[in-house]
Amino acid sequence: MTTPRIDARTLGRPAAPLQLRATPSQQAAEESAVGTLERVDAAKHQITVATTGGRLLFHVQSGATIRQGSKTLKQSDLVSHTGERVKVRYREAGGERTAHWIVVAAPVRRVSAAAQRAE
């Protein structure tokens, strides 16, 4: 029978805490919602989106990706996009929806009457 080796450098030190990470199979499935950005609460990092199924409240994750076309937006920019169409990718856990990716629809390009006649 062999005797286990003990490293003298680690004697008396507490063991490092075990860090557990959720594997992809343990994480909540990613979902998406499309609707109109109805309300932005910057202080609480929350947005409300009106969908065909009703209003959905999302907590916007710190560091969430927010885009409009090729432009990257900040959370604080969302206030100026109230009333516009959005697509939100989120995960739901414990009854809370956490948005990690938001795309604001590209602005509608308005063509003047003079430009239409020129075509």
PDB file of N, CA and C in Angstrom:
ATOM      1  N   MET A   1       0.844  -1.175   0.000  1.00  0.00           N
ATOM      2  CA  MET A   1       0.000   0.000   0.000  1.00  0.00           C
ATOM      3  C   MET A   1       0.887   1.235   0.000  1.00  0.00           C
ATOM      4  N   THR A   2       0.539   2.241  -0.818  1.00  0.00           N
ATOM      5  CA  THR A   2       1.356   3.445  -0.890  1.00  0.00           C
ATOM      6  C   THR A   2       0.798   4.511   0.023  1.00  0.00           C
ATOM      7  N   THR A   3       1.682   5.332   0.526  1.00  0.00           N
ATOM      8  CA  THR A   3       1.297   6.421   1.406  1.00  0.00           C
ATOM      9  C   THR A   3       1.068   7.665   0.553  1.00  0.00           C
ATOM     10  N   PRO A   4      -0.061   8.377   0.751  1.00  0.00           N
ATOM     11  CA  PRO A   4      -0.294   9.586  -0.042  1.00  0.00           C
ATOM     12  C   PRO A   4       0.742  10.659   0.269  1.00  0.00           C
ATOM     13  N   ARG A   5       1.148  11.387  -0.774  1.00  0.00           N
ATOM     14  CA  ARG A   5       2.126  12.465  -0.585  1.00  0.00           C
ATOM     15  C   ARG A   5       1.392  13.737  -0.158  1.00  0.00           C
ATOM     16  N   ILE A   6       1.955  14.426   0.770  1.00  0.00           N
ATOM     17  CA  ILE A   6       1.380  15.677   1.258  1.00  0.00           C
ATOM     18  C   ILE A   6       2.355  16.785   0.913  1.00  0.00           C
ATOM     19  N   ASP A   7       1.864  17.796   0.248  1.00  0.00           N
ATOM     20  CA  ASP A   7       2.686  18.931  -0.122  1.00  0.00           C
ATOM     21  C   ASP A   7       2.726  19.888   1.058  1.00  0.00           C
ATOM     22  N   ALA A   8       3.898  20.092   1.621  1.00  0.00           N
ATOM     23  CA  ALA A   8       4.056  20.928   2.813  1.00  0.00           C
ATOM     24  C   ALA A   8       3.687  22.386   2.542  1.00  0.00           C
ATOM     25  N   ARG A   9       3.739  22.826   1.289  1.00  0.00           N
ATOM     26  CA  ARG A   9       3.429  24.228   0.974  1.00  0.00           C
ATOM     27  C   ARG A   9       1.946  24.537   1.155  1.00  0.00           C
ATOM     28  N   THR A  10       1.085  23.523   1.078  1.00  0.00           N
ATOM     29  CA  THR A  10      -0.347  23.786   1.179  1.00  0.00           C
ATOM     30  C   THR A  10      -0.918  23.479   2.563  1.00  0.00           C
ATOM     31  N   LEU A  11      -0.110  22.935   3.457  1.00  0.00           N
ATOM     32  CA  LEU A  11      -0.610  22.635   4.804  1.00  0.00           C
ATOM     33  C   LEU A  11      -0.994  23.916   5.530  1.00  0.00           C
ATOM     34  N   GLY A  12      -2.104  23.909   6.171  1.00  0.00           N
ATOM     35  CA  GLY A  12      -2.541  25.049   6.960  1.00  0.00           C
ATOM     36  C   GLY A  12      -3.279  26.119   6.159  1.00  0.00           C
ATOM     37  N   ARG A  13      -3.326  25.976   4.856  1.00  0.00           N
ATOM     38  CA  ARG A  13      -4.058  26.949   4.034  1.00  0.00           C
ATOM     39  C   ARG A  13      -5.448  26.411   3.748  1.00  0.00           C
ATOM     40  N   PRO A  14      -6.453  27.301   3.782  1.00  0.00           N
ATOM     41  CA  PRO A  14      -7.799  26.820   3.446  1.00  0.00           C
ATOM     42  C   PRO A  14      -7.874  26.508   1.942  1.00  0.00           C
ATOM     43  N   ALA A  15      -8.683  25.562   1.632  1.00  0.00           N
ATOM     44  CA  ALA A  15      -8.869  25.199   0.225  1.00  0.00           C
ATOM     45  C   ALA A  15      -9.588  26.329  -0.498  1.00  0.00           C
ATOM     46  N   ALA A  16      -9.245  26.507  -1.762  1.00  0.00           N
ATOM     47  CA  ALA A  16      -9.910  27.531  -2.573  1.00  0.00           C
ATOM     48  C   ALA A  16     -11.373  27.143  -2.747  1.00  0.00           C
ATOM     49  N   PRO A  17     -12.281  28.116  -2.726  1.00  0.00           N
ATOM     50  CA  PRO A  17     -13.703  27.780  -2.894  1.00  0.00           C
ATOM     51  C   PRO A  17     -13.949  27.201  -4.288  1.00  0.00           C
ATOM     52  N   LEU A  18     -14.820  26.258  -4.337  1.00  0.00           N
ATOM     53  CA  LEU A  18     -15.163  25.606  -5.590  1.00  0.00           C
ATOM     54  C   LEU A  18     -16.091  26.516  -6.377  1.00  0.00           C
ATOM     55  N   GLN A  19     -15.723  26.822  -7.608  1.00  0.00           N
ATOM     56  CA  GLN A  19     -16.530  27.684  -8.464  1.00  0.00           C
ATOM     57  C   GLN A  19     -17.315  26.804  -9.427  1.00  0.00           C
ATOM     58  N   LEU A  20     -18.621  26.888  -9.354  1.00  0.00           N
ATOM     59  CA  LEU A  20     -19.458  26.108 -10.255  1.00  0.00           C
ATOM     60  C   LEU A  20     -20.025  27.023 -11.327  1.00  0.00           C
ATOM     61  N   ARG A  21     -19.969  26.562 -12.554  1.00  0.00           N
ATOM     62  CA  ARG A  21     -20.555  27.304 -13.671  1.00  0.00           C
ATOM     63  C   ARG A  21     -21.657  26.469 -14.263  1.00  0.00           C
ATOM     64  N   ALA A  22     -22.692  27.148 -14.670  1.00  0.00           N
ATOM     65  CA  ALA A  22     -23.799  26.438 -15.306  1.00  0.00           C
ATOM     66  C   ALA A  22     -23.362  25.990 -16.694  1.00  0.00           C
ATOM     67  N   THR A  23     -23.608  24.761 -16.992  1.00  0.00           N
ATOM     68  CA  THR A  23     -23.312  24.268 -18.328  1.00  0.00           C
ATOM     69  C   THR A  23     -24.448  24.716 -19.239  1.00  0.00           C
ATOM     70  N   PRO A  24     -24.210  24.739 -20.553  1.00  0.00           N
ATOM     71  CA  PRO A  24     -25.275  25.187 -21.451  1.00  0.00           C
ATOM     72  C   PRO A  24     -26.591  24.446 -21.250  1.00  0.00           C
ATOM     73  N   SER A  25     -26.532  23.183 -20.866  1.00  0.00           N
ATOM     74  CA  SER A  25     -27.776  22.440 -20.665  1.00  0.00           C
ATOM     75  C   SER A  25     -28.508  22.877 -19.395  1.00  0.00           C
ATOM     76  N   GLN A  26     -27.789  23.524 -18.442  1.00  0.00           N
ATOM     77  CA  GLN A  26     -28.415  23.974 -17.206  1.00  0.00           C
ATOM     78  C   GLN A  26     -28.964  25.396 -17.322  1.00  0.00           C
ATOM     79  N   GLN A  27     -28.465  26.175 -18.270  1.00  0.00           N
ATOM     80  CA  GLN A  27     -28.938  27.551 -18.440  1.00  0.00           C
ATOM     81  C   GLN A  27     -30.333  27.542 -19.052  1.00  0.00           C
ATOM     82  N   ALA A  28     -31.063  28.602 -18.748  1.00  0.00           N
ATOM     83  CA  ALA A  28     -32.384  28.751 -19.359  1.00  0.00           C
ATOM     84  C   ALA A  28     -32.197  28.961 -20.863  1.00  0.00           C
ATOM     85  N   ALA A  29     -33.122  28.448 -21.628  1.00  0.00           N
ATOM     86  CA  ALA A  29     -33.045  28.584 -23.076  1.00  0.00           C
ATOM     87  C   ALA A  29     -33.202  30.051 -23.472  1.00  0.00           C
ATOM     88  N   GLU A  30     -32.487  30.445 -24.516  1.00  0.00           N
ATOM     89  CA  GLU A  30     -32.610  31.809 -25.012  1.00  0.00           C
ATOM     90  C   GLU A  30     -33.931  31.945 -25.751  1.00  0.00           C
ATOM     91  N   GLU A  31     -34.614  33.048 -25.494  1.00  0.00           N
ATOM     92  CA  GLU A  31     -35.878  33.337 -26.157  1.00  0.00           C
ATOM     93  C   GLU A  31     -35.772  34.717 -26.788  1.00  0.00           C
ATOM     94  N   SER A  32     -36.724  35.049 -27.630  1.00  0.00           N
ATOM     95  CA  SER A  32     -36.719  36.390 -28.225  1.00  0.00           C
ATOM     96  C   SER A  32     -38.141  36.932 -28.283  1.00  0.00           C
ATOM     97  N   ALA A  33     -38.230  38.236 -28.310  1.00  0.00           N
ATOM     98  CA  ALA A  33     -39.520  38.918 -28.406  1.00  0.00           C
ATOM     99  C   ALA A  33     -39.363  40.102 -29.348  1.00  0.00           C
ATOM    100  N   VAL A  34     -40.403  40.358 -30.124  1.00  0.00           N
ATOM    101  CA  VAL A  34     -40.416  41.490 -31.047  1.00  0.00           C
ATOM    102  C   VAL A  34     -41.625  42.346 -30.705  1.00  0.00           C
ATOM    103  N   GLY A  35     -41.415  43.646 -30.649  1.00  0.00           N
ATOM    104  CA  GLY A  35     -42.526  44.545 -30.345  1.00  0.00           C
ATOM    105  C   GLY A  35     -42.091  45.990 -30.381  1.00  0.00           C
ATOM    106  N   THR A  36     -42.868  46.826 -29.730  1.00  0.00           N
ATOM    107  CA  THR A  36     -42.606  48.263 -29.681  1.00  0.00           C
ATOM    108  C   THR A  36     -42.040  48.623 -28.316  1.00  0.00           C
ATOM    109  N   LEU A  37     -40.932  49.350 -28.313  1.00  0.00           N
ATOM    110  CA  LEU A  37     -40.327  49.804 -27.060  1.00  0.00           C
ATOM    111  C   LEU A  37     -41.264  50.831 -26.444  1.00  0.00           C
ATOM    112  N   GLU A  38     -41.885  50.455 -25.347  1.00  0.00           N
ATOM    113  CA  GLU A  38     -42.919  51.292 -24.747  1.00  0.00           C
ATOM    114  C   GLU A  38     -42.400  52.174 -23.628  1.00  0.00           C
ATOM    115  N   ARG A  39     -41.484  51.623 -22.816  1.00  0.00           N
ATOM    116  CA  ARG A  39     -41.022  52.363 -21.637  1.00  0.00           C
ATOM    117  C   ARG A  39     -39.589  51.976 -21.331  1.00  0.00           C
ATOM    118  N   VAL A  40     -38.798  52.960 -20.888  1.00  0.00           N
ATOM    119  CA  VAL A  40     -37.412  52.721 -20.484  1.00  0.00           C
ATOM    120  C   VAL A  40     -37.236  53.310 -19.094  1.00  0.00           C
ATOM    121  N   ASP A  41     -36.810  52.479 -18.144  1.00  0.00           N
ATOM    122  CA  ASP A  41     -36.511  52.945 -16.789  1.00  0.00           C
ATOM    123  C   ASP A  41     -35.006  52.795 -16.600  1.00  0.00           C
ATOM    124  N   ALA A  42     -34.278  53.879 -16.893  1.00  0.00           N
ATOM    125  CA  ALA A  42     -32.813  53.841 -16.860  1.00  0.00           C
ATOM    126  C   ALA A  42     -32.287  53.554 -15.454  1.00  0.00           C
ATOM    127  N   ALA A  43     -32.951  54.067 -14.434  1.00  0.00           N
ATOM    128  CA  ALA A  43     -32.486  53.874 -13.060  1.00  0.00           C
ATOM    129  C   ALA A  43     -32.542  52.407 -12.644  1.00  0.00           C
ATOM    130  N   LYS A  44     -33.574  51.700 -13.090  1.00  0.00           N
ATOM    131  CA  LYS A  44     -33.740  50.283 -12.733  1.00  0.00           C
ATOM    132  C   LYS A  44     -33.186  49.347 -13.797  1.00  0.00           C
ATOM    133  N   HIS A  45     -32.671  49.904 -14.907  1.00  0.00           N
ATOM    134  CA  HIS A  45     -32.157  49.111 -16.033  1.00  0.00           C
ATOM    135  C   HIS A  45     -33.234  48.167 -16.555  1.00  0.00           C
ATOM    136  N   GLN A  46     -34.430  48.725 -16.768  1.00  0.00           N
ATOM    137  CA  GLN A  46     -35.551  47.930 -17.251  1.00  0.00           C
ATOM    138  C   GLN A  46     -36.189  48.582 -18.465  1.00  0.00           C
ATOM    139  N   ILE A  47     -36.720  47.731 -19.340  1.00  0.00           N
ATOM    140  CA  ILE A  47     -37.492  48.220 -20.486  1.00  0.00           C
ATOM    141  C   ILE A  47     -38.799  47.443 -20.540  1.00  0.00           C
ATOM    142  N   THR A  48     -39.819  48.068 -21.112  1.00  0.00           N
ATOM    143  CA  THR A  48     -41.096  47.413 -21.339  1.00  0.00           C
ATOM    144  C   THR A  48     -41.332  47.399 -22.841  1.00  0.00           C
ATOM    145  N   VAL A  49     -41.652  46.210 -23.358  1.00  0.00           N
ATOM    146  CA  VAL A  49     -41.898  46.043 -24.785  1.00  0.00           C
ATOM    147  C   VAL A  49     -43.334  45.566 -24.967  1.00  0.00           C
ATOM    148  N   ALA A  50     -44.092  46.262 -25.816  1.00  0.00           N
ATOM    149  CA  ALA A  50     -45.466  45.868 -26.124  1.00  0.00           C
ATOM    150  C   ALA A  50     -45.416  44.911 -27.315  1.00  0.00           C
ATOM    151  N   THR A  51     -45.858  43.673 -27.087  1.00  0.00           N
ATOM    152  CA  THR A  51     -45.885  42.659 -28.141  1.00  0.00           C
ATOM    153  C   THR A  51     -47.332  42.313 -28.458  1.00  0.00           C
ATOM    154  N   THR A  52     -47.529  41.471 -29.450  1.00  0.00           N
ATOM    155  CA  THR A  52     -48.898  41.055 -29.782  1.00  0.00           C
ATOM    156  C   THR A  52     -49.495  40.230 -28.641  1.00  0.00           C
ATOM    157  N   GLY A  53     -48.665  39.626 -27.816  1.00  0.00           N
ATOM    158  CA  GLY A  53     -49.139  38.835 -26.684  1.00  0.00           C
ATOM    159  C   GLY A  53     -49.298  39.624 -25.403  1.00  0.00           C
ATOM    160  N   GLY A  54     -48.949  40.900 -25.416  1.00  0.00           N
ATOM    161  CA  GLY A  54     -49.057  41.726 -24.210  1.00  0.00           C
ATOM    162  C   GLY A  54     -47.758  42.465 -23.940  1.00  0.00           C
ATOM    163  N   ARG A  55     -47.702  43.112 -22.783  1.00  0.00           N
ATOM    164  CA  ARG A  55     -46.503  43.864 -22.397  1.00  0.00           C
ATOM    165  C   ARG A  55     -45.532  42.944 -21.661  1.00  0.00           C
ATOM    166  N   LEU A  56     -44.242  43.064 -22.017  1.00  0.00           N
ATOM    167  CA  LEU A  56     -43.201  42.269 -21.366  1.00  0.00           C
ATOM    168  C   LEU A  56     -42.194  43.205 -20.720  1.00  0.00           C
ATOM    169  N   LEU A  57     -41.828  42.906 -19.476  1.00  0.00           N
ATOM    170  CA  LEU A  57     -40.838  43.682 -18.739  1.00  0.00           C
ATOM    171  C   LEU A  57     -39.517  42.934 -18.783  1.00  0.00           C
ATOM    172  N   PHE A  58     -38.440  43.637 -19.135  1.00  0.00           N
ATOM    173  CA  PHE A  58     -37.105  43.039 -19.203  1.00  0.00           C
ATOM    174  C   PHE A  58     -36.150  43.814 -18.326  1.00  0.00           C
ATOM    175  N   HIS A  59     -35.292  43.093 -17.614  1.00  0.00           N
ATOM    176  CA  HIS A  59     -34.154  43.695 -16.927  1.00  0.00           C
ATOM    177  C   HIS A  59     -33.026  43.680 -17.955  1.00  0.00           C
ATOM    178  N   VAL A  60     -32.412  44.826 -18.226  1.00  0.00           N
ATOM    179  CA  VAL A  60     -31.331  44.892 -19.212  1.00  0.00           C
ATOM    180  C   VAL A  60     -30.016  44.586 -18.509  1.00  0.00           C
ATOM    181  N   GLN A  61     -29.401  43.497 -18.937  1.00  0.00           N
ATOM    182  CA  GLN A  61     -28.147  43.023 -18.350  1.00  0.00           C
ATOM    183  C   GLN A  61     -27.050  44.071 -18.533  1.00  0.00           C
ATOM    184  N   SER A  62     -26.201  44.221 -17.537  1.00  0.00           N
ATOM    185  CA  SER A  62     -25.050  45.105 -17.659  1.00  0.00           C
ATOM    186  C   SER A  62     -24.171  44.579 -18.791  1.00  0.00           C
ATOM    187  N   GLY A  63     -23.801  45.437 -19.694  1.00  0.00           N
ATOM    188  CA  GLY A  63     -22.975  45.003 -20.820  1.00  0.00           C
ATOM    189  C   GLY A  63     -23.764  44.400 -21.964  1.00  0.00           C
ATOM    190  N   ALA A  64     -25.090  44.545 -21.935  1.00  0.00           N
ATOM    191  CA  ALA A  64     -25.921  44.003 -23.011  1.00  0.00           C
ATOM    192  C   ALA A  64     -25.548  44.670 -24.336  1.00  0.00           C
ATOM    193  N   THR A  65     -25.642  43.903 -25.417  1.00  0.00           N
ATOM    194  CA  THR A  65     -25.389  44.438 -26.752  1.00  0.00           C
ATOM    195  C   THR A  65     -26.660  45.123 -27.234  1.00  0.00           C
ATOM    196  N   ILE A  66     -26.539  46.397 -27.594  1.00  0.00           N
ATOM    197  CA  ILE A  66     -27.690  47.168 -28.088  1.00  0.00           C
ATOM    198  C   ILE A  66     -27.269  47.772 -29.420  1.00  0.00           C
ATOM    199  N   ARG A  67     -28.009  47.454 -30.477  1.00  0.00           N
ATOM    200  CA  ARG A  67     -27.637  47.878 -31.824  1.00  0.00           C
ATOM    201  C   ARG A  67     -28.803  48.521 -32.559  1.00  0.00           C
ATOM    202  N   GLN A  68     -28.454  49.360 -33.507  1.00  0.00           N
ATOM    203  CA  GLN A  68     -29.402  49.877 -34.486  1.00  0.00           C
ATOM    204  C   GLN A  68     -28.623  49.920 -35.794  1.00  0.00           C
ATOM    205  N   GLY A  69     -28.939  48.975 -36.682  1.00  0.00           N
ATOM    206  CA  GLY A  69     -28.154  48.837 -37.903  1.00  0.00           C
ATOM    207  C   GLY A  69     -26.723  48.497 -37.538  1.00  0.00           C
ATOM    208  N   SER A  70     -25.782  49.241 -38.076  1.00  0.00           N
ATOM    209  CA  SER A  70     -24.369  48.982 -37.775  1.00  0.00           C
ATOM    210  C   SER A  70     -23.888  49.778 -36.559  1.00  0.00           C
ATOM    211  N   LYS A  71     -24.777  50.583 -35.978  1.00  0.00           N
ATOM    212  CA  LYS A  71     -24.431  51.422 -34.833  1.00  0.00           C
ATOM    213  C   LYS A  71     -24.632  50.682 -33.518  1.00  0.00           C
ATOM    214  N   THR A  72     -23.671  50.822 -32.609  1.00  0.00           N
ATOM    215  CA  THR A  72     -23.808  50.289 -31.258  1.00  0.00           C
ATOM    216  C   THR A  72     -24.340  51.408 -30.368  1.00  0.00           C
ATOM    217  N   LEU A  73     -25.379  51.106 -29.609  1.00  0.00           N
ATOM    218  CA  LEU A  73     -25.998  52.088 -28.724  1.00  0.00           C
ATOM    219  C   LEU A  73     -25.673  51.779 -27.273  1.00  0.00           C
ATOM    220  N   LYS A  74     -25.862  52.775 -26.410  1.00  0.00           N
ATOM    221  CA  LYS A  74     -25.730  52.589 -24.964  1.00  0.00           C
ATOM    222  C   LYS A  74     -27.132  52.415 -24.385  1.00  0.00           C
ATOM    223  N   GLN A  75     -27.193  51.880 -23.171  1.00  0.00           N
ATOM    224  CA  GLN A  75     -28.502  51.738 -22.518  1.00  0.00           C
ATOM    225  C   GLN A  75     -29.190  53.089 -22.411  1.00  0.00           C
ATOM    226  N   SER A  76     -28.425  54.128 -22.140  1.00  0.00           N
ATOM    227  CA  SER A  76     -29.015  55.466 -21.985  1.00  0.00           C
ATOM    228  C   SER A  76     -29.623  55.977 -23.295  1.00  0.00           C
ATOM    229  N   ASP A  77     -29.183  55.452 -24.447  1.00  0.00           N
ATOM    230  CA  ASP A  77     -29.731  55.859 -25.741  1.00  0.00           C
ATOM    231  C   ASP A  77     -31.141  55.321 -25.977  1.00  0.00           C
ATOM    232  N   LEU A  78     -31.521  54.261 -25.264  1.00  0.00           N
ATOM    233  CA  LEU A  78     -32.819  53.631 -25.507  1.00  0.00           C
ATOM    234  C   LEU A  78     -33.991  54.578 -25.267  1.00  0.00           C
ATOM    235  N   VAL A  79     -33.840  55.507 -24.359  1.00  0.00           N
ATOM    236  CA  VAL A  79     -34.922  56.447 -24.044  1.00  0.00           C
ATOM    237  C   VAL A  79     -35.368  57.188 -25.307  1.00  0.00           C
ATOM    238  N   SER A  80     -34.425  57.554 -26.153  1.00  0.00           N
ATOM    239  CA  SER A  80     -34.770  58.309 -27.361  1.00  0.00           C
ATOM    240  C   SER A  80     -35.394  57.425 -28.445  1.00  0.00           C
ATOM    241  N   HIS A  81     -35.471  56.126 -28.203  1.00  0.00           N
ATOM    242  CA  HIS A  81     -36.058  55.211 -29.190  1.00  0.00           C
ATOM    243  C   HIS A  81     -37.412  54.655 -28.753  1.00  0.00           C
ATOM    244  N   THR A  82     -38.003  55.256 -27.723  1.00  0.00           N
ATOM    245  CA  THR A  82     -39.335  54.849 -27.276  1.00  0.00           C
ATOM    246  C   THR A  82     -40.314  54.998 -28.438  1.00  0.00           C
ATOM    247  N   GLY A  83     -41.150  53.983 -28.631  1.00  0.00           N
ATOM    248  CA  GLY A  83     -42.121  53.998 -29.716  1.00  0.00           C
ATOM    249  C   GLY A  83     -41.627  53.292 -30.966  1.00  0.00           C
ATOM    250  N   GLU A  84     -40.361  52.884 -30.976  1.00  0.00           N
ATOM    251  CA  GLU A  84     -39.799  52.209 -32.138  1.00  0.00           C
ATOM    252  C   GLU A  84     -39.836  50.694 -31.946  1.00  0.00           C
ATOM    253  N   ARG A  85     -39.733  49.965 -33.052  1.00  0.00           N
ATOM    254  CA  ARG A  85     -39.742  48.500 -33.021  1.00  0.00           C
ATOM    255  C   ARG A  85     -38.403  47.978 -32.518  1.00  0.00           C
ATOM    256  N   VAL A  86     -38.461  46.931 -31.703  1.00  0.00           N
ATOM    257  CA  VAL A  86     -37.249  46.302 -31.174  1.00  0.00           C
ATOM    258  C   VAL A  86     -37.381  44.787 -31.203  1.00  0.00           C
ATOM    259  N   LYS A  87     -36.236  44.122 -31.229  1.00  0.00           N
ATOM    260  CA  LYS A  87     -36.164  42.679 -31.024  1.00  0.00           C
ATOM    261  C   LYS A  87     -35.260  42.478 -29.830  1.00  0.00           C
ATOM    262  N   VAL A  88     -35.712  41.675 -28.874  1.00  0.00           N
ATOM    263  CA  VAL A  88     -34.981  41.454 -27.632  1.00  0.00           C
ATOM    264  C   VAL A  88     -34.678  39.966 -27.497  1.00  0.00           C
ATOM    265  N   ARG A  89     -33.424  39.620 -27.285  1.00  0.00           N
ATOM    266  CA  ARG A  89     -33.057  38.243 -26.940  1.00  0.00           C
ATOM    267  C   ARG A  89     -32.830  38.220 -25.436  1.00  0.00           C
ATOM    268  N   TYR A  90     -33.393  37.218 -24.784  1.00  0.00           N
ATOM    269  CA  TYR A  90     -33.351  37.190 -23.327  1.00  0.00           C
ATOM    270  C   TYR A  90     -33.373  35.759 -22.803  1.00  0.00           C
ATOM    271  N   ARG A  91     -33.085  35.638 -21.529  1.00  0.00           N
ATOM    272  CA  ARG A  91     -33.225  34.377 -20.798  1.00  0.00           C
ATOM    273  C   ARG A  91     -34.143  34.662 -19.610  1.00  0.00           C
ATOM    274  N   GLU A  92     -34.954  33.678 -19.280  1.00  0.00           N
ATOM    275  CA  GLU A  92     -35.881  33.839 -18.166  1.00  0.00           C
ATOM    276  C   GLU A  92     -35.511  32.866 -17.060  1.00  0.00           C
ATOM    277  N   ALA A  93     -35.360  33.400 -15.854  1.00  0.00           N
ATOM    278  CA  ALA A  93     -35.052  32.574 -14.694  1.00  0.00           C
ATOM    279  C   ALA A  93     -35.739  33.182 -13.477  1.00  0.00           C
ATOM    280  N   GLY A  94     -36.403  32.365 -12.721  1.00  0.00           N
ATOM    281  CA  GLY A  94     -37.078  32.834 -11.519  1.00  0.00           C
ATOM    282  C   GLY A  94     -38.151  33.873 -11.811  1.00  0.00           C
ATOM    283  N   GLY A  95     -38.759  33.786 -12.984  1.00  0.00           N
ATOM    284  CA  GLY A  95     -39.817  34.717 -13.342  1.00  0.00           C
ATOM    285  C   GLY A  95     -39.314  36.069 -13.843  1.00  0.00           C
ATOM    286  N   GLU A  96     -38.001  36.245 -13.951  1.00  0.00           N
ATOM    287  CA  GLU A  96     -37.438  37.508 -14.431  1.00  0.00           C
ATOM    288  C   GLU A  96     -36.800  37.318 -15.798  1.00  0.00           C
ATOM    289  N   ARG A  97     -37.135  38.203 -16.724  1.00  0.00           N
ATOM    290  CA  ARG A  97     -36.555  38.156 -18.075  1.00  0.00           C
ATOM    291  C   ARG A  97     -35.344  39.086 -18.109  1.00  0.00           C
ATOM    292  N   THR A  98     -34.188  38.541 -18.473  1.00  0.00           N
ATOM    293  CA  THR A  98     -32.968  39.337 -18.547  1.00  0.00           C
ATOM    294  C   THR A  98     -32.531  39.454 -20.002  1.00  0.00           C
ATOM    295  N   ALA A  99     -32.578  40.676 -20.518  1.00  0.00           N
ATOM    296  CA  ALA A  99     -32.209  40.940 -21.908  1.00  0.00           C
ATOM    297  C   ALA A  99     -30.696  41.075 -22.009  1.00  0.00           C
ATOM    298  N   HIS A 100     -30.114  40.373 -22.983  1.00  0.00           N
ATOM    299  CA  HIS A 100     -28.672  40.487 -23.194  1.00  0.00           C
ATOM    300  C   HIS A 100     -28.345  40.997 -24.588  1.00  0.00           C
ATOM    301  N   TRP A 101     -29.358  41.147 -25.451  1.00  0.00           N
ATOM    302  CA  TRP A 101     -29.152  41.603 -26.829  1.00  0.00           C
ATOM    303  C   TRP A 101     -30.423  42.301 -27.276  1.00  0.00           C
ATOM    304  N   ILE A 102     -30.297  43.549 -27.717  1.00  0.00           N
ATOM    305  CA  ILE A 102     -31.452  44.334 -28.162  1.00  0.00           C
ATOM    306  C   ILE A 102     -31.105  44.975 -29.503  1.00  0.00           C
ATOM    307  N   VAL A 103     -32.004  44.835 -30.459  1.00  0.00           N
ATOM    308  CA  VAL A 103     -31.830  45.504 -31.746  1.00  0.00           C
ATOM    309  C   VAL A 103     -33.000  46.445 -31.955  1.00  0.00           C
ATOM    310  N   VAL A 104     -32.680  47.721 -32.192  1.00  0.00           N
ATOM    311  CA  VAL A 104     -33.692  48.730 -32.495  1.00  0.00           C
ATOM    312  C   VAL A 104     -33.804  48.784 -34.012  1.00  0.00           C
ATOM    313  N   ALA A 105     -35.030  48.776 -34.515  1.00  0.00           N
ATOM    314  CA  ALA A 105     -35.240  48.819 -35.960  1.00  0.00           C
ATOM    315  C   ALA A 105     -34.592  50.062 -36.551  1.00  0.00           C
ATOM    316  N   ALA A 106     -34.054  49.904 -37.756  1.00  0.00           N
ATOM    317  CA  ALA A 106     -33.449  51.045 -38.450  1.00  0.00           C
ATOM    318  C   ALA A 106     -34.523  52.095 -38.687  1.00  0.00           C
ATOM    319  N   PRO A 107     -34.162  53.364 -38.592  1.00  0.00           N
ATOM    320  CA  PRO A 107     -35.165  54.411 -38.800  1.00  0.00           C
ATOM    321  C   PRO A 107     -35.711  54.366 -40.220  1.00  0.00           C
ATOM    322  N   VAL A 108     -36.979  54.697 -40.344  1.00  0.00           N
ATOM    323  CA  VAL A 108     -37.622  54.717 -41.652  1.00  0.00           C
ATOM    324  C   VAL A 108     -37.072  55.908 -42.419  1.00  0.00           C
ATOM    325  N   ARG A 109     -36.629  55.636 -43.620  1.00  0.00           N
ATOM    326  CA  ARG A 109     -36.084  56.706 -44.458  1.00  0.00           C
ATOM    327  C   ARG A 109     -37.225  57.380 -45.193  1.00  0.00           C
ATOM    328  N   ARG A 110     -37.403  58.642 -44.937  1.00  0.00           N
ATOM    329  CA  ARG A 110     -38.490  59.381 -45.563  1.00  0.00           C
ATOM    330  C   ARG A 110     -37.968  60.076 -46.823  1.00  0.00           C
ATOM    331  N   VAL A 111     -38.703  59.896 -47.898  1.00  0.00           N
ATOM    332  CA  VAL A 111     -38.333  60.509 -49.167  1.00  0.00           C
ATOM    333  C   VAL A 111     -39.280  61.681 -49.409  1.00  0.00           C
ATOM    334  N   SER A 112     -38.704  62.826 -49.691  1.00  0.00           N
ATOM    335  CA  SER A 112     -39.531  64.012 -49.909  1.00  0.00           C
ATOM    336  C   SER A 112     -40.315  63.886 -51.220  1.00  0.00           C
ATOM    337  N   ALA A 113     -41.377  64.659 -51.337  1.00  0.00           N
ATOM    338  CA  ALA A 113     -42.221  64.635 -52.547  1.00  0.00           C
ATOM    339  C   ALA A 113     -41.398  65.034 -53.760  1.00  0.00           C
ATOM    340  N   ALA A 114     -40.486  66.010 -53.605  1.00  0.00           N
ATOM    341  CA  ALA A 114     -39.654  66.449 -54.722  1.00  0.00           C
ATOM    342  C   ALA A 114     -38.731  65.332 -55.193  1.00  0.00           C
ATOM    343  N   ALA A 115     -38.200  64.577 -54.270  1.00  0.00           N
ATOM    344  CA  ALA A 115     -37.311  63.464 -54.625  1.00  0.00           C
ATOM    345  C   ALA A 115     -38.098  62.369 -55.333  1.00  0.00           C
ATOM    346  N   GLN A 116     -39.351  62.150 -54.923  1.00  0.00           N
ATOM    347  CA  GLN A 116     -40.179  61.130 -55.574  1.00  0.00           C
ATOM    348  C   GLN A 116     -40.481  61.514 -57.007  1.00  0.00           C
ATOM    349  N   ARG A 117     -40.756  62.806 -57.252  1.00  0.00           N
ATOM    350  CA  ARG A 117     -41.053  63.275 -58.612  1.00  0.00           C
ATOM    351  C   ARG A 117     -39.824  63.158 -59.512  1.00  0.00           C
ATOM    352  N   ALA A 118     -38.642  63.319 -58.937  1.00  0.00           N
ATOM    353  CA  ALA A 118     -37.408  63.260 -59.706  1.00  0.00           C
ATOM    354  C   ALA A 118     -37.124  61.841 -60.186  1.00  0.00           C
ATOM    355  N   GLU A 119     -37.662  60.853 -59.490  1.00  0.00           N
ATOM    356  CA  GLU A 119     -37.437  59.449 -59.861  1.00  0.00           C
ATOM    357  C   GLU A 119     -38.256  59.138 -61.020  1.00  0.00           C
TER     358      GLU A 119
END
